[in-house]
Amino acid sequence: MSMMVIMVLLLTVTFEVSEQLCWTMKSRVLRRGWIWIVAGLIAHVAQLAAWFFLLKLLPLSVALPLTGLDYVGVAFMSAWLFSERLDWRRWLGTWLIVIGMVMIGWGGWS
């Protein structure tokens, strides 16, 4: 996997995690919630642009499973920012996602 593909993949995942965190912040704050809506929309547009660029670099059958990393990012960021508890089932699911991504990334494609 080239460095360009990795960078675009991480950018796509970062924007998706940011978008999800913005929606969560909007649901938790009562005042000035419009700021989080605007930030979420900006993150969504940026994520779509990165996703379209990623699809130019990878086939859909490879790109879509690799973006499963956003589940891992949302789990860790919600535990850090919102003090959500990660029990053993979430840890297991997170590691299964990571193992699956390694298996998909390890395989070659043209």
PDB file of N, CA and C in Angstrom:
ATOM      1  N   MET A   1       0.863  -1.165   0.000  1.00  0.00           N
ATOM      2  CA  MET A   1       0.000   0.000   0.000  1.00  0.00           C
ATOM      3  C   MET A   1       0.908   1.225   0.000  1.00  0.00           C
ATOM      4  N   SER A   2       0.633   2.151  -0.899  1.00  0.00           N
ATOM      5  CA  SER A   2       1.490   3.328  -1.017  1.00  0.00           C
ATOM      6  C   SER A   2       1.208   4.330   0.102  1.00  0.00           C
ATOM      7  N   MET A   3       2.154   5.224   0.298  1.00  0.00           N
ATOM      8  CA  MET A   3       2.011   6.245   1.340  1.00  0.00           C
ATOM      9  C   MET A   3       0.831   7.174   1.032  1.00  0.00           C
ATOM     10  N   MET A   4       0.585   7.443  -0.247  1.00  0.00           N
ATOM     11  CA  MET A   4      -0.541   8.301  -0.638  1.00  0.00           C
ATOM     12  C   MET A   4      -1.865   7.659  -0.240  1.00  0.00           C
ATOM     13  N   VAL A   5      -2.008   6.372  -0.466  1.00  0.00           N
ATOM     14  CA  VAL A   5      -3.237   5.669  -0.100  1.00  0.00           C
ATOM     15  C   VAL A   5      -3.434   5.698   1.410  1.00  0.00           C
ATOM     16  N   ILE A   6      -2.374   5.465   2.155  1.00  0.00           N
ATOM     17  CA  ILE A   6      -2.467   5.486   3.618  1.00  0.00           C
ATOM     18  C   ILE A   6      -2.862   6.868   4.116  1.00  0.00           C
ATOM     19  N   MET A   7      -2.264   7.907   3.548  1.00  0.00           N
ATOM     20  CA  MET A   7      -2.580   9.273   3.988  1.00  0.00           C
ATOM     21  C   MET A   7      -4.027   9.639   3.674  1.00  0.00           C
ATOM     22  N   VAL A   8      -4.505   9.291   2.490  1.00  0.00           N
ATOM     23  CA  VAL A   8      -5.895   9.600   2.126  1.00  0.00           C
ATOM     24  C   VAL A   8      -6.858   8.781   2.971  1.00  0.00           C
ATOM     25  N   LEU A   9      -6.520   7.533   3.249  1.00  0.00           N
ATOM     26  CA  LEU A   9      -7.352   6.703   4.113  1.00  0.00           C
ATOM     27  C   LEU A   9      -7.450   7.300   5.512  1.00  0.00           C
ATOM     28  N   LEU A  10      -6.320   7.685   6.083  1.00  0.00           N
ATOM     29  CA  LEU A  10      -6.330   8.282   7.425  1.00  0.00           C
ATOM     30  C   LEU A  10      -7.066   9.621   7.439  1.00  0.00           C
ATOM     31  N   LEU A  11      -6.954  10.383   6.368  1.00  0.00           N
ATOM     32  CA  LEU A  11      -7.674  11.649   6.272  1.00  0.00           C
ATOM     33  C   LEU A  11      -9.180  11.402   6.225  1.00  0.00           C
ATOM     34  N   THR A  12      -9.590  10.422   5.446  1.00  0.00           N
ATOM     35  CA  THR A  12     -11.012  10.074   5.358  1.00  0.00           C
ATOM     36  C   THR A  12     -11.550   9.649   6.720  1.00  0.00           C
ATOM     37  N   VAL A  13     -10.807   8.808   7.401  1.00  0.00           N
ATOM     38  CA  VAL A  13     -11.235   8.320   8.719  1.00  0.00           C
ATOM     39  C   VAL A  13     -11.258   9.462   9.730  1.00  0.00           C
ATOM     40  N   THR A  14     -10.269  10.343   9.689  1.00  0.00           N
ATOM     41  CA  THR A  14     -10.217  11.475  10.617  1.00  0.00           C
ATOM     42  C   THR A  14     -11.421  12.389  10.444  1.00  0.00           C
ATOM     43  N   PHE A  15     -11.782  12.678   9.202  1.00  0.00           N
ATOM     44  CA  PHE A  15     -12.950  13.528   8.961  1.00  0.00           C
ATOM     45  C   PHE A  15     -14.233  12.845   9.411  1.00  0.00           C
ATOM     46  N   GLU A  16     -14.339  11.538   9.219  1.00  0.00           N
ATOM     47  CA  GLU A  16     -15.536  10.818   9.654  1.00  0.00           C
ATOM     48  C   GLU A  16     -15.652  10.810  11.176  1.00  0.00           C
ATOM     49  N   VAL A  17     -14.544  10.577  11.857  1.00  0.00           N
ATOM     50  CA  VAL A  17     -14.560  10.601  13.328  1.00  0.00           C
ATOM     51  C   VAL A  17     -14.916  12.000  13.815  1.00  0.00           C
ATOM     52  N   SER A  18     -14.352  13.019  13.193  1.00  0.00           N
ATOM     53  CA  SER A  18     -14.665  14.404  13.574  1.00  0.00           C
ATOM     54  C   SER A  18     -16.144  14.693  13.386  1.00  0.00           C
ATOM     55  N   GLU A  19     -16.699  14.229  12.282  1.00  0.00           N
ATOM     56  CA  GLU A  19     -18.126  14.445  12.028  1.00  0.00           C
ATOM     57  C   GLU A  19     -18.977  13.805  13.122  1.00  0.00           C
ATOM     58  N   GLN A  20     -18.683  12.562  13.466  1.00  0.00           N
ATOM     59  CA  GLN A  20     -19.463  11.871  14.492  1.00  0.00           C
ATOM     60  C   GLN A  20     -19.343  12.555  15.858  1.00  0.00           C
ATOM     61  N   LEU A  21     -18.148  13.029  16.171  1.00  0.00           N
ATOM     62  CA  LEU A  21     -17.959  13.736  17.445  1.00  0.00           C
ATOM     63  C   LEU A  21     -18.706  15.061  17.468  1.00  0.00           C
ATOM     64  N   CYS A  22     -18.785  15.735  16.327  1.00  0.00           N
ATOM     65  CA  CYS A  22     -19.552  16.992  16.253  1.00  0.00           C
ATOM     66  C   CYS A  22     -21.033  16.736  16.510  1.00  0.00           C
ATOM     67  N   TRP A  23     -21.589  15.657  15.923  1.00  0.00           N
ATOM     68  CA  TRP A  23     -23.002  15.354  16.159  1.00  0.00           C
ATOM     69  C   TRP A  23     -23.242  15.017  17.631  1.00  0.00           C
ATOM     70  N   THR A  24     -22.305  14.318  18.246  1.00  0.00           N
ATOM     71  CA  THR A  24     -22.449  13.995  19.663  1.00  0.00           C
ATOM     72  C   THR A  24     -22.370  15.254  20.518  1.00  0.00           C
ATOM     73  N   MET A  25     -21.439  16.143  20.184  1.00  0.00           N
ATOM     74  CA  MET A  25     -21.329  17.399  20.940  1.00  0.00           C
ATOM     75  C   MET A  25     -22.606  18.215  20.808  1.00  0.00           C
ATOM     76  N   LYS A  26     -23.216  18.229  19.635  1.00  0.00           N
ATOM     77  CA  LYS A  26     -24.456  18.970  19.444  1.00  0.00           C
ATOM     78  C   LYS A  26     -25.542  18.426  20.353  1.00  0.00           C
ATOM     79  N   SER A  27     -25.591  17.125  20.530  1.00  0.00           N
ATOM     80  CA  SER A  27     -26.636  16.550  21.369  1.00  0.00           C
ATOM     81  C   SER A  27     -26.385  16.791  22.855  1.00  0.00           C
ATOM     82  N   ARG A  28     -25.155  17.172  23.214  1.00  0.00           N
ATOM     83  CA  ARG A  28     -24.821  17.360  24.629  1.00  0.00           C
ATOM     84  C   ARG A  28     -24.839  18.816  25.079  1.00  0.00           C
ATOM     85  N   VAL A  29     -24.748  19.745  24.162  1.00  0.00           N
ATOM     86  CA  VAL A  29     -24.754  21.158  24.550  1.00  0.00           C
ATOM     87  C   VAL A  29     -26.097  21.779  24.199  1.00  0.00           C
ATOM     88  N   LEU A  30     -26.548  22.659  25.052  1.00  0.00           N
ATOM     89  CA  LEU A  30     -27.840  23.294  24.827  1.00  0.00           C
ATOM     90  C   LEU A  30     -27.701  24.648  24.135  1.00  0.00           C
ATOM     91  N   ARG A  31     -26.643  25.365  24.434  1.00  0.00           N
ATOM     92  CA  ARG A  31     -26.442  26.678  23.852  1.00  0.00           C
ATOM     93  C   ARG A  31     -25.415  26.593  22.733  1.00  0.00           C
ATOM     94  N   ARG A  32     -25.636  27.396  21.745  1.00  0.00           N
ATOM     95  CA  ARG A  32     -24.731  27.484  20.592  1.00  0.00           C
ATOM     96  C   ARG A  32     -24.499  26.136  19.927  1.00  0.00           C
ATOM     97  N   GLY A  33     -25.531  25.355  19.829  1.00  0.00           N
ATOM     98  CA  GLY A  33     -25.425  24.058  19.169  1.00  0.00           C
ATOM     99  C   GLY A  33     -25.210  24.180  17.676  1.00  0.00           C
ATOM    100  N   TRP A  34     -25.577  25.324  17.115  1.00  0.00           N
ATOM    101  CA  TRP A  34     -25.418  25.531  15.678  1.00  0.00           C
ATOM    102  C   TRP A  34     -23.948  25.468  15.271  1.00  0.00           C
ATOM    103  N   ILE A  35     -23.045  25.805  16.182  1.00  0.00           N
ATOM    104  CA  ILE A  35     -21.610  25.731  15.872  1.00  0.00           C
ATOM    105  C   ILE A  35     -21.222  24.284  15.568  1.00  0.00           C
ATOM    106  N   TRP A  36     -21.752  23.350  16.360  1.00  0.00           N
ATOM    107  CA  TRP A  36     -21.426  21.941  16.149  1.00  0.00           C
ATOM    108  C   TRP A  36     -22.092  21.406  14.892  1.00  0.00           C
ATOM    109  N   ILE A  37     -23.272  21.922  14.560  1.00  0.00           N
ATOM    110  CA  ILE A  37     -23.927  21.514  13.314  1.00  0.00           C
ATOM    111  C   ILE A  37     -23.097  21.960  12.111  1.00  0.00           C
ATOM    112  N   VAL A  38     -22.648  23.209  12.128  1.00  0.00           N
ATOM    113  CA  VAL A  38     -21.824  23.720  11.030  1.00  0.00           C
ATOM    114  C   VAL A  38     -20.513  22.949  10.945  1.00  0.00           C
ATOM    115  N   ALA A  39     -19.882  22.705  12.082  1.00  0.00           N
ATOM    116  CA  ALA A  39     -18.623  21.946  12.090  1.00  0.00           C
ATOM    117  C   ALA A  39     -18.844  20.524  11.574  1.00  0.00           C
ATOM    118  N   GLY A  40     -19.950  19.918  11.948  1.00  0.00           N
ATOM    119  CA  GLY A  40     -20.269  18.579  11.465  1.00  0.00           C
ATOM    120  C   GLY A  40     -20.509  18.542   9.968  1.00  0.00           C
ATOM    121  N   LEU A  41     -21.181  19.573   9.455  1.00  0.00           N
ATOM    122  CA  LEU A  41     -21.409  19.644   8.010  1.00  0.00           C
ATOM    123  C   LEU A  41     -20.102  19.849   7.249  1.00  0.00           C
ATOM    124  N   ILE A  42     -19.235  20.693   7.778  1.00  0.00           N
ATOM    125  CA  ILE A  42     -17.928  20.905   7.144  1.00  0.00           C
ATOM    126  C   ILE A  42     -17.119  19.612   7.153  1.00  0.00           C
ATOM    127  N   ALA A  43     -17.129  18.911   8.281  1.00  0.00           N
ATOM    128  CA  ALA A  43     -16.409  17.640   8.366  1.00  0.00           C
ATOM    129  C   ALA A  43     -17.004  16.616   7.403  1.00  0.00           C
ATOM    130  N   HIS A  44     -18.322  16.643   7.231  1.00  0.00           N
ATOM    131  CA  HIS A  44     -18.974  15.709   6.316  1.00  0.00           C
ATOM    132  C   HIS A  44     -18.566  15.974   4.869  1.00  0.00           C
ATOM    133  N   VAL A  45     -18.565  17.230   4.468  1.00  0.00           N
ATOM    134  CA  VAL A  45     -18.160  17.576   3.099  1.00  0.00           C
ATOM    135  C   VAL A  45     -16.699  17.204   2.872  1.00  0.00           C
ATOM    136  N   ALA A  46     -15.847  17.483   3.848  1.00  0.00           N
ATOM    137  CA  ALA A  46     -14.427  17.126   3.729  1.00  0.00           C
ATOM    138  C   ALA A  46     -14.255  15.607   3.659  1.00  0.00           C
ATOM    139  N   GLN A  47     -15.045  14.880   4.437  1.00  0.00           N
ATOM    140  CA  GLN A  47     -14.961  13.417   4.412  1.00  0.00           C
ATOM    141  C   GLN A  47     -15.409  12.882   3.061  1.00  0.00           C
ATOM    142  N   LEU A  48     -16.447  13.454   2.480  1.00  0.00           N
ATOM    143  CA  LEU A  48     -16.895  13.004   1.166  1.00  0.00           C
ATOM    144  C   LEU A  48     -15.837  13.258   0.100  1.00  0.00           C
ATOM    145  N   ALA A  49     -15.186  14.422   0.156  1.00  0.00           N
ATOM    146  CA  ALA A  49     -14.126  14.720  -0.810  1.00  0.00           C
ATOM    147  C   ALA A  49     -12.970  13.735  -0.670  1.00  0.00           C
ATOM    148  N   ALA A  50     -12.575  13.464   0.565  1.00  0.00           N
ATOM    149  CA  ALA A  50     -11.494  12.498   0.793  1.00  0.00           C
ATOM    150  C   ALA A  50     -11.920  11.094   0.355  1.00  0.00           C
ATOM    151  N   TRP A  51     -13.184  10.741   0.597  1.00  0.00           N
ATOM    152  CA  TRP A  51     -13.692   9.425   0.208  1.00  0.00           C
ATOM    153  C   TRP A  51     -13.663   9.257  -1.314  1.00  0.00           C
ATOM    154  N   PHE A  52     -14.095  10.283  -2.043  1.00  0.00           N
ATOM    155  CA  PHE A  52     -14.078  10.206  -3.502  1.00  0.00           C
ATOM    156  C   PHE A  52     -12.643  10.079  -4.016  1.00  0.00           C
ATOM    157  N   PHE A  53     -11.729  10.780  -3.386  1.00  0.00           N
ATOM    158  CA  PHE A  53     -10.331  10.671  -3.789  1.00  0.00           C
ATOM    159  C   PHE A  53      -9.788   9.281  -3.475  1.00  0.00           C
ATOM    160  N   LEU A  54     -10.188   8.724  -2.328  1.00  0.00           N
ATOM    161  CA  LEU A  54      -9.758   7.375  -1.963  1.00  0.00           C
ATOM    162  C   LEU A  54     -10.275   6.351  -2.972  1.00  0.00           C
ATOM    163  N   LEU A  55     -11.490   6.563  -3.460  1.00  0.00           N
ATOM    164  CA  LEU A  55     -12.056   5.632  -4.440  1.00  0.00           C
ATOM    165  C   LEU A  55     -11.337   5.693  -5.781  1.00  0.00           C
ATOM    166  N   LYS A  56     -10.644   6.788  -6.066  1.00  0.00           N
ATOM    167  CA  LYS A  56      -9.808   6.849  -7.260  1.00  0.00           C
ATOM    168  C   LYS A  56      -8.555   5.990  -7.098  1.00  0.00           C
ATOM    169  N   LEU A  57      -8.129   5.815  -5.853  1.00  0.00           N
ATOM    170  CA  LEU A  57      -6.890   5.086  -5.583  1.00  0.00           C
ATOM    171  C   LEU A  57      -7.108   3.603  -5.315  1.00  0.00           C
ATOM    172  N   LEU A  58      -8.272   3.245  -4.786  1.00  0.00           N
ATOM    173  CA  LEU A  58      -8.555   1.858  -4.387  1.00  0.00           C
ATOM    174  C   LEU A  58      -9.901   1.418  -4.939  1.00  0.00           C
ATOM    175  N   PRO A  59     -10.058   0.121  -5.182  1.00  0.00           N
ATOM    176  CA  PRO A  59     -11.396  -0.377  -5.516  1.00  0.00           C
ATOM    177  C   PRO A  59     -12.313  -0.298  -4.291  1.00  0.00           C
ATOM    178  N   LEU A  60     -13.597  -0.181  -4.554  1.00  0.00           N
ATOM    179  CA  LEU A  60     -14.577  -0.054  -3.475  1.00  0.00           C
ATOM    180  C   LEU A  60     -14.517  -1.236  -2.518  1.00  0.00           C
ATOM    181  N   SER A  61     -14.308  -2.429  -3.032  1.00  0.00           N
ATOM    182  CA  SER A  61     -14.288  -3.624  -2.184  1.00  0.00           C
ATOM    183  C   SER A  61     -13.118  -3.629  -1.211  1.00  0.00           C
ATOM    184  N   VAL A  62     -12.109  -2.812  -1.451  1.00  0.00           N
ATOM    185  CA  VAL A  62     -10.979  -2.683  -0.530  1.00  0.00           C
ATOM    186  C   VAL A  62     -11.145  -1.435   0.330  1.00  0.00           C
ATOM    187  N   ALA A  63     -11.575  -0.330  -0.272  1.00  0.00           N
ATOM    188  CA  ALA A  63     -11.663   0.947   0.438  1.00  0.00           C
ATOM    189  C   ALA A  63     -12.709   0.917   1.552  1.00  0.00           C
ATOM    190  N   LEU A  64     -13.859   0.334   1.278  1.00  0.00           N
ATOM    191  CA  LEU A  64     -14.933   0.356   2.275  1.00  0.00           C
ATOM    192  C   LEU A  64     -14.560  -0.390   3.556  1.00  0.00           C
ATOM    193  N   PRO A  65     -14.028  -1.612   3.484  1.00  0.00           N
ATOM    194  CA  PRO A  65     -13.634  -2.262   4.742  1.00  0.00           C
ATOM    195  C   PRO A  65     -12.518  -1.523   5.479  1.00  0.00           C
ATOM    196  N   LEU A  66     -11.612  -0.883   4.742  1.00  0.00           N
ATOM    197  CA  LEU A  66     -10.524  -0.166   5.399  1.00  0.00           C
ATOM    198  C   LEU A  66     -11.012   1.064   6.153  1.00  0.00           C
ATOM    199  N   THR A  67     -12.111   1.639   5.718  1.00  0.00           N
ATOM    200  CA  THR A  67     -12.640   2.794   6.449  1.00  0.00           C
ATOM    201  C   THR A  67     -13.347   2.369   7.732  1.00  0.00           C
ATOM    202  N   GLY A  68     -13.365   1.078   8.014  1.00  0.00           N
ATOM    203  CA  GLY A  68     -13.889   0.605   9.297  1.00  0.00           C
ATOM    204  C   GLY A  68     -13.068   1.103  10.473  1.00  0.00           C
ATOM    205  N   LEU A  69     -11.921   1.664  10.161  1.00  0.00           N
ATOM    206  CA  LEU A  69     -11.091   2.259  11.213  1.00  0.00           C
ATOM    207  C   LEU A  69     -11.820   3.404  11.908  1.00  0.00           C
ATOM    208  N   ASP A  70     -12.829   3.989  11.264  1.00  0.00           N
ATOM    209  CA  ASP A  70     -13.564   5.068  11.933  1.00  0.00           C
ATOM    210  C   ASP A  70     -14.310   4.561  13.165  1.00  0.00           C
ATOM    211  N   TYR A  71     -14.708   3.293  13.185  1.00  0.00           N
ATOM    212  CA  TYR A  71     -15.325   2.733  14.384  1.00  0.00           C
ATOM    213  C   TYR A  71     -14.339   2.720  15.553  1.00  0.00           C
ATOM    214  N   VAL A  72     -13.111   2.387  15.243  1.00  0.00           N
ATOM    215  CA  VAL A  72     -12.065   2.379  16.264  1.00  0.00           C
ATOM    216  C   VAL A  72     -11.820   3.800  16.768  1.00  0.00           C
ATOM    217  N   GLY A  73     -11.717   4.742  15.843  1.00  0.00           N
ATOM    218  CA  GLY A  73     -11.481   6.140  16.218  1.00  0.00           C
ATOM    219  C   GLY A  73     -12.603   6.718  17.061  1.00  0.00           C
ATOM    220  N   VAL A  74     -13.850   6.443  16.677  1.00  0.00           N
ATOM    221  CA  VAL A  74     -14.987   6.949  17.444  1.00  0.00           C
ATOM    222  C   VAL A  74     -15.003   6.332  18.840  1.00  0.00           C
ATOM    223  N   ALA A  75     -14.699   5.057  18.949  1.00  0.00           N
ATOM    224  CA  ALA A  75     -14.694   4.403  20.267  1.00  0.00           C
ATOM    225  C   ALA A  75     -13.653   5.044  21.182  1.00  0.00           C
ATOM    226  N   PHE A  76     -12.433   5.213  20.680  1.00  0.00           N
ATOM    227  CA  PHE A  76     -11.381   5.790  21.518  1.00  0.00           C
ATOM    228  C   PHE A  76     -11.638   7.261  21.844  1.00  0.00           C
ATOM    229  N   MET A  77     -12.075   8.027  20.854  1.00  0.00           N
ATOM    230  CA  MET A  77     -12.310   9.450  21.099  1.00  0.00           C
ATOM    231  C   MET A  77     -13.498   9.679  22.034  1.00  0.00           C
ATOM    232  N   SER A  78     -14.538   8.836  21.926  1.00  0.00           N
ATOM    233  CA  SER A  78     -15.667   9.000  22.843  1.00  0.00           C
ATOM    234  C   SER A  78     -15.278   8.605  24.262  1.00  0.00           C
ATOM    235  N   ALA A  79     -14.390   7.624  24.396  1.00  0.00           N
ATOM    236  CA  ALA A  79     -13.904   7.279  25.737  1.00  0.00           C
ATOM    237  C   ALA A  79     -13.064   8.407  26.311  1.00  0.00           C
ATOM    238  N   TRP A  80     -12.284   9.047  25.470  1.00  0.00           N
ATOM    239  CA  TRP A  80     -11.409  10.122  25.934  1.00  0.00           C
ATOM    240  C   TRP A  80     -12.183  11.418  26.180  1.00  0.00           C
ATOM    241  N   LEU A  81     -13.034  11.825  25.234  1.00  0.00           N
ATOM    242  CA  LEU A  81     -13.723  13.111  25.361  1.00  0.00           C
ATOM    243  C   LEU A  81     -14.968  13.061  26.243  1.00  0.00           C
ATOM    244  N   PHE A  82     -15.704  11.966  26.156  1.00  0.00           N
ATOM    245  CA  PHE A  82     -16.990  11.900  26.846  1.00  0.00           C
ATOM    246  C   PHE A  82     -17.001  10.912  28.002  1.00  0.00           C
ATOM    247  N   SER A  83     -15.856  10.366  28.334  1.00  0.00           N
ATOM    248  CA  SER A  83     -15.711   9.411  29.433  1.00  0.00           C
ATOM    249  C   SER A  83     -16.627   8.195  29.289  1.00  0.00           C
ATOM    250  N   GLU A  84     -16.844   7.768  28.054  1.00  0.00           N
ATOM    251  CA  GLU A  84     -17.606   6.548  27.837  1.00  0.00           C
ATOM    252  C   GLU A  84     -16.733   5.350  28.182  1.00  0.00           C
ATOM    253  N   ARG A  85     -17.351   4.328  28.713  1.00  0.00           N
ATOM    254  CA  ARG A  85     -16.620   3.153  29.156  1.00  0.00           C
ATOM    255  C   ARG A  85     -16.479   2.156  28.012  1.00  0.00           C
ATOM    256  N   LEU A  86     -15.267   1.651  27.828  1.00  0.00           N
ATOM    257  CA  LEU A  86     -15.014   0.608  26.841  1.00  0.00           C
ATOM    258  C   LEU A  86     -14.893  -0.725  27.572  1.00  0.00           C
ATOM    259  N   ASP A  87     -15.920  -1.568  27.458  1.00  0.00           N
ATOM    260  CA  ASP A  87     -15.860  -2.872  28.115  1.00  0.00           C
ATOM    261  C   ASP A  87     -15.152  -3.875  27.211  1.00  0.00           C
ATOM    262  N   TRP A  88     -15.062  -5.107  27.650  1.00  0.00           N
ATOM    263  CA  TRP A  88     -14.294  -6.115  26.919  1.00  0.00           C
ATOM    264  C   TRP A  88     -14.873  -6.396  25.553  1.00  0.00           C
ATOM    265  N   ARG A  89     -16.195  -6.258  25.381  1.00  0.00           N
ATOM    266  CA  ARG A  89     -16.804  -6.511  24.072  1.00  0.00           C
ATOM    267  C   ARG A  89     -16.382  -5.457  23.056  1.00  0.00           C
ATOM    268  N   ARG A  90     -16.307  -4.215  23.494  1.00  0.00           N
ATOM    269  CA  ARG A  90     -15.853  -3.161  22.568  1.00  0.00           C
ATOM    270  C   ARG A  90     -14.375  -3.326  22.237  1.00  0.00           C
ATOM    271  N   TRP A  91     -13.568  -3.714  23.236  1.00  0.00           N
ATOM    272  CA  TRP A  91     -12.156  -3.968  22.961  1.00  0.00           C
ATOM    273  C   TRP A  91     -12.005  -5.106  21.959  1.00  0.00           C
ATOM    274  N   LEU A  92     -12.782  -6.183  22.165  1.00  0.00           N
ATOM    275  CA  LEU A  92     -12.722  -7.323  21.256  1.00  0.00           C
ATOM    276  C   LEU A  92     -13.135  -6.905  19.840  1.00  0.00           C
ATOM    277  N   GLY A  93     -14.221  -6.174  19.735  1.00  0.00           N
ATOM    278  CA  GLY A  93     -14.666  -5.698  18.433  1.00  0.00           C
ATOM    279  C   GLY A  93     -13.656  -4.784  17.771  1.00  0.00           C
ATOM    280  N   THR A  94     -13.020  -3.930  18.563  1.00  0.00           N
ATOM    281  CA  THR A  94     -12.002  -3.029  18.035  1.00  0.00           C
ATOM    282  C   THR A  94     -10.829  -3.812  17.483  1.00  0.00           C
ATOM    283  N   TRP A  95     -10.376  -4.806  18.223  1.00  0.00           N
ATOM    284  CA  TRP A  95      -9.242  -5.606  17.746  1.00  0.00           C
ATOM    285  C   TRP A  95      -9.605  -6.446  16.534  1.00  0.00           C
ATOM    286  N   LEU A  96     -10.840  -6.914  16.466  1.00  0.00           N
ATOM    287  CA  LEU A  96     -11.261  -7.659  15.280  1.00  0.00           C
ATOM    288  C   LEU A  96     -11.283  -6.765  14.040  1.00  0.00           C
ATOM    289  N   ILE A  97     -11.701  -5.522  14.215  1.00  0.00           N
ATOM    290  CA  ILE A  97     -11.674  -4.574  13.103  1.00  0.00           C
ATOM    291  C   ILE A  97     -10.240  -4.330  12.656  1.00  0.00           C
ATOM    292  N   VAL A  98      -9.351  -4.128  13.604  1.00  0.00           N
ATOM    293  CA  VAL A  98      -7.942  -3.875  13.268  1.00  0.00           C
ATOM    294  C   VAL A  98      -7.332  -5.092  12.569  1.00  0.00           C
ATOM    295  N   ILE A  99      -7.618  -6.283  13.070  1.00  0.00           N
ATOM    296  CA  ILE A  99      -7.097  -7.498  12.442  1.00  0.00           C
ATOM    297  C   ILE A  99      -7.643  -7.637  11.017  1.00  0.00           C
ATOM    298  N   GLY A 100      -8.915  -7.359  10.841  1.00  0.00           N
ATOM    299  CA  GLY A 100      -9.508  -7.414   9.507  1.00  0.00           C
ATOM    300  C   GLY A 100      -8.882  -6.409   8.560  1.00  0.00           C
ATOM    301  N   MET A 101      -8.594  -5.218   9.058  1.00  0.00           N
ATOM    302  CA  MET A 101      -7.952  -4.210   8.211  1.00  0.00           C
ATOM    303  C   MET A 101      -6.550  -4.634   7.819  1.00  0.00           C
ATOM    304  N   VAL A 102      -5.823  -5.231   8.749  1.00  0.00           N
ATOM    305  CA  VAL A 102      -4.470  -5.708   8.434  1.00  0.00           C
ATOM    306  C   VAL A 102      -4.541  -6.802   7.373  1.00  0.00           C
ATOM    307  N   MET A 103      -5.515  -7.695   7.501  1.00  0.00           N
ATOM    308  CA  MET A 103      -5.652  -8.769   6.523  1.00  0.00           C
ATOM    309  C   MET A 103      -6.001  -8.227   5.143  1.00  0.00           C
ATOM    310  N   ILE A 104      -6.874  -7.230   5.080  1.00  0.00           N
ATOM    311  CA  ILE A 104      -7.241  -6.646   3.796  1.00  0.00           C
ATOM    312  C   ILE A 104      -6.071  -5.848   3.223  1.00  0.00           C
ATOM    313  N   GLY A 105      -5.396  -5.092   4.063  1.00  0.00           N
ATOM    314  CA  GLY A 105      -4.273  -4.294   3.601  1.00  0.00           C
ATOM    315  C   GLY A 105      -3.078  -5.118   3.196  1.00  0.00           C
ATOM    316  N   TRP A 106      -2.923  -6.290   3.797  1.00  0.00           N
ATOM    317  CA  TRP A 106      -1.804  -7.169   3.505  1.00  0.00           C
ATOM    318  C   TRP A 106      -1.934  -7.767   2.107  1.00  0.00           C
ATOM    319  N   GLY A 107      -3.163  -8.095   1.737  1.00  0.00           N
ATOM    320  CA  GLY A 107      -3.391  -8.699   0.433  1.00  0.00           C
ATOM    321  C   GLY A 107      -3.116  -7.702  -0.685  1.00  0.00           C
ATOM    322  N   GLY A 108      -2.647  -8.188  -1.787  1.00  0.00           N
ATOM    323  CA  GLY A 108      -2.356  -7.305  -2.911  1.00  0.00           C
ATOM    324  C   GLY A 108      -3.589  -7.100  -3.772  1.00  0.00           C
ATOM    325  N   TRP A 109      -3.657  -5.980  -4.419  1.00  0.00           N
ATOM    326  CA  TRP A 109      -4.707  -5.691  -5.387  1.00  0.00           C
ATOM    327  C   TRP A 109      -4.099  -4.860  -6.490  1.00  0.00           C
ATOM    328  N   SER A 110      -4.750  -4.847  -7.603  1.00  0.00           N
ATOM    329  CA  SER A 110      -4.215  -4.067  -8.725  1.00  0.00           C
ATOM    330  C   SER A 110      -5.218  -3.040  -9.190  1.00  0.00           C
TER     331      SER A 110
END
